[in-house]
């Protein structure tokens, strides 16, 4: 199987579902569909929210289908200072586990300080997990989207002061709840991985009236279809 697309929820993929006829498949985790998009056979999976759902579902799909490319897509929040705004989309240059570590009285310490790599493929990887640069740059070339640092937190950041502290600590531009888990699984299993997200909100803003989830979903899916059409 050539291309595997994954999202946390079906909502994030509704523009894709509307663009083609999808065949529902038996899935080891979540929902799974197959279709032809621009002469490419594509698998589309909705694995559930959070790192555990993403990691478990993605590992099972890679084992069963051995995709040559995995692209995660959906919505995310943009940090102030990132240069991104609501209804834009962006591509991950790398992923960071924002909350893997220990919080002590003197501050936060990441996995490298604890001495526990999260994955080791000839080189130990701690909080920062690389995406596949060839695939990520192919997405950039096809869409013209910015390539920025993404971060993953199991807890949505709902406070502007905390958002500022995270942005300063990691120099991160986009936050979601799944990306670093997908990047880690793909790195461990040897599947090229890239990530594309539409911006639904500014990180720290908890007033949903200021969010635009439909526009973020549309931006992500339209960019993804542009890539598929041009490859």
C-alpha atoms as a PDB file:
ATOM      1  CA  UNK A   1       0.000   0.000   0.000  1.00  0.00           C
ATOM      2  CA  UNK A   2       1.450   3.358  -1.025  1.00  0.00           C
ATOM      3  CA  UNK A   3      -0.068   6.161   1.062  1.00  0.00           C
ATOM      4  CA  UNK A   4      -1.620   6.058   4.542  1.00  0.00           C
ATOM      5  CA  UNK A   5      -3.399   9.162   5.837  1.00  0.00           C
ATOM      6  CA  UNK A   6      -4.256   9.329   9.537  1.00  0.00           C
ATOM      7  CA  UNK A   7      -6.336  11.747  11.595  1.00  0.00           C
ATOM      8  CA  UNK A   8      -7.565  11.636  15.162  1.00  0.00           C
ATOM      9  CA  UNK A   9     -11.223  12.173  14.228  1.00  0.00           C
ATOM     10  CA  UNK A  10     -13.486  11.857  11.203  1.00  0.00           C
ATOM     11  CA  UNK A  11     -14.449  15.519  11.632  1.00  0.00           C
ATOM     12  CA  UNK A  12     -10.941  16.561  10.603  1.00  0.00           C
ATOM     13  CA  UNK A  13     -11.258  14.522   7.389  1.00  0.00           C
ATOM     14  CA  UNK A  14     -14.786  15.461   6.266  1.00  0.00           C
ATOM     15  CA  UNK A  15     -13.544  17.401   3.195  1.00  0.00           C
ATOM     16  CA  UNK A  16     -11.662  14.265   2.110  1.00  0.00           C
ATOM     17  CA  UNK A  17     -14.725  12.080   2.627  1.00  0.00           C
ATOM     18  CA  UNK A  18     -16.724  14.501   0.490  1.00  0.00           C
ATOM     19  CA  UNK A  19     -14.135  14.472  -2.312  1.00  0.00           C
ATOM     20  CA  UNK A  20     -14.216  10.739  -3.097  1.00  0.00           C
ATOM     21  CA  UNK A  21     -16.118   7.495  -2.605  1.00  0.00           C
ATOM     22  CA  UNK A  22     -14.551   5.596   0.286  1.00  0.00           C
ATOM     23  CA  UNK A  23     -14.842   1.886   0.984  1.00  0.00           C
ATOM     24  CA  UNK A  24     -15.012   1.014   4.688  1.00  0.00           C
ATOM     25  CA  UNK A  25     -12.517  -1.686   5.683  1.00  0.00           C
ATOM     26  CA  UNK A  26     -12.202  -3.910   8.711  1.00  0.00           C
ATOM     27  CA  UNK A  27      -9.789  -2.133  11.006  1.00  0.00           C
ATOM     28  CA  UNK A  28      -7.647  -3.332  13.898  1.00  0.00           C
ATOM     29  CA  UNK A  29      -8.134   0.107  15.520  1.00  0.00           C
ATOM     30  CA  UNK A  30     -10.513   3.000  14.872  1.00  0.00           C
ATOM     31  CA  UNK A  31     -12.067   3.545  11.444  1.00  0.00           C
ATOM     32  CA  UNK A  32     -10.385   2.627   8.162  1.00  0.00           C
ATOM     33  CA  UNK A  33     -11.287   3.444   4.536  1.00  0.00           C
ATOM     34  CA  UNK A  34      -9.807   2.989   1.056  1.00  0.00           C
ATOM     35  CA  UNK A  35     -10.284   5.078  -2.085  1.00  0.00           C
ATOM     36  CA  UNK A  36      -8.667   6.299  -5.295  1.00  0.00           C
ATOM     37  CA  UNK A  37      -7.577   9.935  -5.180  1.00  0.00           C
ATOM     38  CA  UNK A  38      -5.980  11.374  -8.320  1.00  0.00           C
ATOM     39  CA  UNK A  39      -5.005   7.867  -9.504  1.00  0.00           C
ATOM     40  CA  UNK A  40      -3.444   6.948  -6.175  1.00  0.00           C
ATOM     41  CA  UNK A  41      -4.721   4.230  -3.854  1.00  0.00           C
ATOM     42  CA  UNK A  42      -5.088   5.825  -0.439  1.00  0.00           C
ATOM     43  CA  UNK A  43      -5.888   4.424   2.990  1.00  0.00           C
ATOM     44  CA  UNK A  44      -7.581   6.837   5.405  1.00  0.00           C
ATOM     45  CA  UNK A  45      -7.712   6.041   9.127  1.00  0.00           C
ATOM     46  CA  UNK A  46      -9.307   7.822  12.091  1.00  0.00           C
ATOM     47  CA  UNK A  47      -7.484   6.494  15.149  1.00  0.00           C
ATOM     48  CA  UNK A  48      -8.868   8.516  18.075  1.00  0.00           C
ATOM     49  CA  UNK A  49      -7.641  11.462  20.118  1.00  0.00           C
ATOM     50  CA  UNK A  50      -4.343  11.386  21.980  1.00  0.00           C
ATOM     51  CA  UNK A  51      -0.959   9.688  21.883  1.00  0.00           C
ATOM     52  CA  UNK A  52      -2.072   6.192  22.925  1.00  0.00           C
ATOM     53  CA  UNK A  53      -4.797   5.870  20.292  1.00  0.00           C
ATOM     54  CA  UNK A  54      -2.450   7.173  17.619  1.00  0.00           C
ATOM     55  CA  UNK A  55       0.503   4.983  18.577  1.00  0.00           C
ATOM     56  CA  UNK A  56      -1.491   1.764  18.922  1.00  0.00           C
ATOM     57  CA  UNK A  57      -3.587   2.247  15.802  1.00  0.00           C
ATOM     58  CA  UNK A  58      -0.706   3.394  13.623  1.00  0.00           C
ATOM     59  CA  UNK A  59       1.587   0.537  14.666  1.00  0.00           C
ATOM     60  CA  UNK A  60      -1.116  -1.996  13.776  1.00  0.00           C
ATOM     61  CA  UNK A  61      -1.745  -0.384  10.383  1.00  0.00           C
ATOM     62  CA  UNK A  62       1.947  -0.221   9.497  1.00  0.00           C
ATOM     63  CA  UNK A  63       2.306  -3.903  10.391  1.00  0.00           C
ATOM     64  CA  UNK A  64      -0.721  -4.877   8.285  1.00  0.00           C
ATOM     65  CA  UNK A  65      -0.302  -2.614   5.225  1.00  0.00           C
ATOM     66  CA  UNK A  66       3.400  -1.576   5.166  1.00  0.00           C
ATOM     67  CA  UNK A  67       2.711   1.898   3.689  1.00  0.00           C
ATOM     68  CA  UNK A  68       5.559   3.632   1.879  1.00  0.00           C
ATOM     69  CA  UNK A  69       4.382   7.014   3.244  1.00  0.00           C
ATOM     70  CA  UNK A  70       2.392   8.080   6.304  1.00  0.00           C
ATOM     71  CA  UNK A  71       0.905  11.566   6.557  1.00  0.00           C
ATOM     72  CA  UNK A  72      -0.889  12.718   9.679  1.00  0.00           C
ATOM     73  CA  UNK A  73      -3.307  15.609   9.299  1.00  0.00           C
ATOM     74  CA  UNK A  74      -5.932  17.469  11.286  1.00  0.00           C
ATOM     75  CA  UNK A  75      -6.223  20.597  13.363  1.00  0.00           C
ATOM     76  CA  UNK A  76      -3.802  22.272  15.737  1.00  0.00           C
ATOM     77  CA  UNK A  77      -3.227  25.442  17.683  1.00  0.00           C
ATOM     78  CA  UNK A  78      -0.679  28.088  16.717  1.00  0.00           C
ATOM     79  CA  UNK A  79       1.519  29.689  19.352  1.00  0.00           C
ATOM     80  CA  UNK A  80       1.729  33.455  19.503  1.00  0.00           C
ATOM     81  CA  UNK A  81       4.910  34.488  17.758  1.00  0.00           C
ATOM     82  CA  UNK A  82       4.764  31.593  15.299  1.00  0.00           C
ATOM     83  CA  UNK A  83       3.643  33.816  12.419  1.00  0.00           C
ATOM     84  CA  UNK A  84       0.664  31.514  11.824  1.00  0.00           C
ATOM     85  CA  UNK A  85      -2.989  32.482  12.031  1.00  0.00           C
ATOM     86  CA  UNK A  86      -6.331  30.702  12.214  1.00  0.00           C
ATOM     87  CA  UNK A  87      -7.397  28.983   8.947  1.00  0.00           C
ATOM     88  CA  UNK A  88      -3.803  28.654   7.716  1.00  0.00           C
ATOM     89  CA  UNK A  89      -2.025  25.302   7.431  1.00  0.00           C
ATOM     90  CA  UNK A  90       1.551  24.277   8.195  1.00  0.00           C
ATOM     91  CA  UNK A  91       3.865  21.262   7.890  1.00  0.00           C
ATOM     92  CA  UNK A  92       5.987  19.767  10.666  1.00  0.00           C
ATOM     93  CA  UNK A  93       9.763  20.061  10.339  1.00  0.00           C
ATOM     94  CA  UNK A  94      10.044  18.039  13.549  1.00  0.00           C
ATOM     95  CA  UNK A  95       7.891  16.948  16.491  1.00  0.00           C
ATOM     96  CA  UNK A  96       8.496  17.482  20.210  1.00  0.00           C
ATOM     97  CA  UNK A  97       6.955  15.673  23.183  1.00  0.00           C
ATOM     98  CA  UNK A  98       6.096  18.751  25.254  1.00  0.00           C
ATOM     99  CA  UNK A  99       5.060  16.906  28.422  1.00  0.00           C
ATOM    100  CA  UNK A 100       7.404  13.891  28.570  1.00  0.00           C
ATOM    101  CA  UNK A 101       9.747  14.538  31.475  1.00  0.00           C
ATOM    102  CA  UNK A 102       9.537  15.624  35.088  1.00  0.00           C
ATOM    103  CA  UNK A 103       8.385  18.866  36.704  1.00  0.00           C
ATOM    104  CA  UNK A 104      10.365  19.737  39.832  1.00  0.00           C
ATOM    105  CA  UNK A 105      10.545  22.787  42.069  1.00  0.00           C
ATOM    106  CA  UNK A 106      13.534  24.102  40.110  1.00  0.00           C
ATOM    107  CA  UNK A 107      11.813  23.680  36.765  1.00  0.00           C
ATOM    108  CA  UNK A 108      11.024  21.181  34.009  1.00  0.00           C
ATOM    109  CA  UNK A 109      13.488  18.502  32.844  1.00  0.00           C
ATOM    110  CA  UNK A 110      13.196  16.529  29.613  1.00  0.00           C
ATOM    111  CA  UNK A 111      13.920  12.905  28.824  1.00  0.00           C
ATOM    112  CA  UNK A 112      17.581  13.512  27.972  1.00  0.00           C
ATOM    113  CA  UNK A 113      18.189  14.801  31.495  1.00  0.00           C
ATOM    114  CA  UNK A 114      16.484  11.693  32.875  1.00  0.00           C
ATOM    115  CA  UNK A 115      18.622   9.481  30.652  1.00  0.00           C
ATOM    116  CA  UNK A 116      15.776   7.638  28.937  1.00  0.00           C
ATOM    117  CA  UNK A 117      15.535   7.869  25.148  1.00  0.00           C
ATOM    118  CA  UNK A 118      12.013   7.418  23.770  1.00  0.00           C
ATOM    119  CA  UNK A 119      13.346   5.659  20.663  1.00  0.00           C
ATOM    120  CA  UNK A 120      16.811   4.598  19.528  1.00  0.00           C
ATOM    121  CA  UNK A 121      17.462   3.849  15.856  1.00  0.00           C
ATOM    122  CA  UNK A 122      21.246   4.050  15.969  1.00  0.00           C
ATOM    123  CA  UNK A 123      20.927   7.424  17.674  1.00  0.00           C
ATOM    124  CA  UNK A 124      18.972   8.031  20.889  1.00  0.00           C
ATOM    125  CA  UNK A 125      15.972  10.322  20.490  1.00  0.00           C
ATOM    126  CA  UNK A 126      14.514  12.042  23.518  1.00  0.00           C
ATOM    127  CA  UNK A 127      11.773  14.671  23.346  1.00  0.00           C
ATOM    128  CA  UNK A 128      12.525  15.753  19.784  1.00  0.00           C
ATOM    129  CA  UNK A 129      11.470  13.296  17.077  1.00  0.00           C
ATOM    130  CA  UNK A 130      12.362  14.087  13.447  1.00  0.00           C
ATOM    131  CA  UNK A 131       9.901  13.841  10.595  1.00  0.00           C
ATOM    132  CA  UNK A 132      10.989  12.419   7.245  1.00  0.00           C
ATOM    133  CA  UNK A 133      12.667  15.355   5.527  1.00  0.00           C
ATOM    134  CA  UNK A 134      12.207  14.112   1.953  1.00  0.00           C
ATOM    135  CA  UNK A 135       8.457  13.596   2.442  1.00  0.00           C
ATOM    136  CA  UNK A 136       8.043  16.818   4.412  1.00  0.00           C
ATOM    137  CA  UNK A 137       9.797  18.861   1.735  1.00  0.00           C
ATOM    138  CA  UNK A 138       7.710  17.165  -0.960  1.00  0.00           C
ATOM    139  CA  UNK A 139       4.654  18.458   0.903  1.00  0.00           C
ATOM    140  CA  UNK A 140       6.176  21.932   1.055  1.00  0.00           C
ATOM    141  CA  UNK A 141       7.005  21.863  -2.666  1.00  0.00           C
ATOM    142  CA  UNK A 142       3.465  20.783  -3.567  1.00  0.00           C
ATOM    143  CA  UNK A 143       1.629  23.207  -1.288  1.00  0.00           C
ATOM    144  CA  UNK A 144       3.905  26.165  -0.515  1.00  0.00           C
ATOM    145  CA  UNK A 145       3.096  25.791   3.187  1.00  0.00           C
ATOM    146  CA  UNK A 146       5.563  26.803   5.914  1.00  0.00           C
ATOM    147  CA  UNK A 147       7.743  24.145   7.546  1.00  0.00           C
ATOM    148  CA  UNK A 148       7.780  24.729  11.321  1.00  0.00           C
ATOM    149  CA  UNK A 149       8.299  22.950  14.636  1.00  0.00           C
ATOM    150  CA  UNK A 150       5.282  21.058  15.986  1.00  0.00           C
ATOM    151  CA  UNK A 151       4.764  20.004  19.596  1.00  0.00           C
ATOM    152  CA  UNK A 152       2.496  17.409  21.201  1.00  0.00           C
ATOM    153  CA  UNK A 153       0.845  17.626  24.593  1.00  0.00           C
ATOM    154  CA  UNK A 154      -1.760  15.316  26.102  1.00  0.00           C
ATOM    155  CA  UNK A 155      -3.097  18.387  27.898  1.00  0.00           C
ATOM    156  CA  UNK A 156      -4.458  21.171  25.694  1.00  0.00           C
ATOM    157  CA  UNK A 157      -2.756  24.404  26.754  1.00  0.00           C
ATOM    158  CA  UNK A 158      -5.558  26.705  27.890  1.00  0.00           C
ATOM    159  CA  UNK A 159      -3.583  29.538  29.447  1.00  0.00           C
ATOM    160  CA  UNK A 160      -1.636  32.238  27.610  1.00  0.00           C
ATOM    161  CA  UNK A 161       1.128  32.443  30.245  1.00  0.00           C
ATOM    162  CA  UNK A 162       1.718  28.689  30.054  1.00  0.00           C
ATOM    163  CA  UNK A 163       1.595  28.844  26.249  1.00  0.00           C
ATOM    164  CA  UNK A 164       4.271  31.542  26.278  1.00  0.00           C
ATOM    165  CA  UNK A 165       6.467  29.443  28.602  1.00  0.00           C
ATOM    166  CA  UNK A 166       6.161  26.387  26.323  1.00  0.00           C
ATOM    167  CA  UNK A 167       6.868  28.441  23.215  1.00  0.00           C
ATOM    168  CA  UNK A 168       9.982  29.918  24.793  1.00  0.00           C
ATOM    169  CA  UNK A 169      11.174  26.540  26.133  1.00  0.00           C
ATOM    170  CA  UNK A 170      10.818  24.615  22.868  1.00  0.00           C
ATOM    171  CA  UNK A 171      10.632  27.304  20.151  1.00  0.00           C
ATOM    172  CA  UNK A 172       7.490  25.526  18.972  1.00  0.00           C
ATOM    173  CA  UNK A 173       4.934  26.869  16.481  1.00  0.00           C
ATOM    174  CA  UNK A 174       2.017  24.382  16.449  1.00  0.00           C
ATOM    175  CA  UNK A 175       0.462  22.253  19.197  1.00  0.00           C
ATOM    176  CA  UNK A 176      -1.622  19.083  18.890  1.00  0.00           C
ATOM    177  CA  UNK A 177      -2.339  15.955  20.941  1.00  0.00           C
ATOM    178  CA  UNK A 178      -0.997  13.231  18.630  1.00  0.00           C
ATOM    179  CA  UNK A 179       1.849  14.189  16.301  1.00  0.00           C
ATOM    180  CA  UNK A 180       4.926  13.227  18.300  1.00  0.00           C
ATOM    181  CA  UNK A 181       3.474   9.768  18.955  1.00  0.00           C
ATOM    182  CA  UNK A 182       2.955   9.185  15.226  1.00  0.00           C
ATOM    183  CA  UNK A 183       6.442  10.474  14.397  1.00  0.00           C
ATOM    184  CA  UNK A 184       7.960   8.207  17.047  1.00  0.00           C
ATOM    185  CA  UNK A 185       6.122   5.077  15.860  1.00  0.00           C
ATOM    186  CA  UNK A 186       7.025   5.716  12.225  1.00  0.00           C
ATOM    187  CA  UNK A 187      10.683   6.313  13.086  1.00  0.00           C
ATOM    188  CA  UNK A 188      10.806   3.108  15.128  1.00  0.00           C
ATOM    189  CA  UNK A 189       9.123   1.038  12.388  1.00  0.00           C
ATOM    190  CA  UNK A 190      10.897   2.616   9.410  1.00  0.00           C
ATOM    191  CA  UNK A 191       7.894   4.286   7.761  1.00  0.00           C
ATOM    192  CA  UNK A 192       8.470   7.764   6.240  1.00  0.00           C
ATOM    193  CA  UNK A 193       6.314  10.235   8.170  1.00  0.00           C
ATOM    194  CA  UNK A 194       5.098  13.787   7.621  1.00  0.00           C
ATOM    195  CA  UNK A 195       2.457  15.910   9.336  1.00  0.00           C
ATOM    196  CA  UNK A 196       0.186  18.668   8.067  1.00  0.00           C
ATOM    197  CA  UNK A 197      -2.286  20.621  10.208  1.00  0.00           C
ATOM    198  CA  UNK A 198      -4.752  23.433   9.777  1.00  0.00           C
ATOM    199  CA  UNK A 199      -4.754  26.104  12.480  1.00  0.00           C
ATOM    200  CA  UNK A 200      -8.022  26.186  14.422  1.00  0.00           C
ATOM    201  CA  UNK A 201      -7.012  28.458  17.312  1.00  0.00           C
ATOM    202  CA  UNK A 202      -4.281  30.360  19.085  1.00  0.00           C
ATOM    203  CA  UNK A 203      -2.716  28.254  21.851  1.00  0.00           C
ATOM    204  CA  UNK A 204      -3.980  29.489  25.226  1.00  0.00           C
ATOM    205  CA  UNK A 205      -7.365  30.635  23.914  1.00  0.00           C
ATOM    206  CA  UNK A 206     -10.140  28.555  25.513  1.00  0.00           C
ATOM    207  CA  UNK A 207     -13.079  30.593  24.194  1.00  0.00           C
ATOM    208  CA  UNK A 208     -14.330  28.310  21.408  1.00  0.00           C
ATOM    209  CA  UNK A 209     -16.057  31.297  19.793  1.00  0.00           C
ATOM    210  CA  UNK A 210     -12.562  32.423  18.777  1.00  0.00           C
ATOM    211  CA  UNK A 211     -11.777  29.054  17.155  1.00  0.00           C
ATOM    212  CA  UNK A 212     -12.522  28.093  13.551  1.00  0.00           C
ATOM    213  CA  UNK A 213     -12.416  24.305  13.338  1.00  0.00           C
ATOM    214  CA  UNK A 214     -14.219  23.987   9.952  1.00  0.00           C
ATOM    215  CA  UNK A 215     -11.777  26.400   8.285  1.00  0.00           C
ATOM    216  CA  UNK A 216      -8.809  24.564   9.816  1.00  0.00           C
ATOM    217  CA  UNK A 217     -10.115  21.191   8.583  1.00  0.00           C
ATOM    218  CA  UNK A 218     -10.684  22.638   5.111  1.00  0.00           C
ATOM    219  CA  UNK A 219      -7.182  24.137   4.988  1.00  0.00           C
ATOM    220  CA  UNK A 220      -5.541  20.863   5.989  1.00  0.00           C
ATOM    221  CA  UNK A 221      -7.564  18.674   3.622  1.00  0.00           C
ATOM    222  CA  UNK A 222      -7.275  21.002   0.650  1.00  0.00           C
ATOM    223  CA  UNK A 223      -3.502  21.146   1.077  1.00  0.00           C
ATOM    224  CA  UNK A 224      -3.333  17.386   1.424  1.00  0.00           C
ATOM    225  CA  UNK A 225      -5.352  16.871  -1.771  1.00  0.00           C
ATOM    226  CA  UNK A 226      -3.078  19.355  -3.534  1.00  0.00           C
ATOM    227  CA  UNK A 227      -0.085  17.214  -2.574  1.00  0.00           C
ATOM    228  CA  UNK A 228      -1.768  13.980  -3.719  1.00  0.00           C
ATOM    229  CA  UNK A 229      -2.807  15.556  -7.015  1.00  0.00           C
ATOM    230  CA  UNK A 230       0.732  16.771  -7.726  1.00  0.00           C
ATOM    231  CA  UNK A 231       2.615  13.555  -6.880  1.00  0.00           C
END
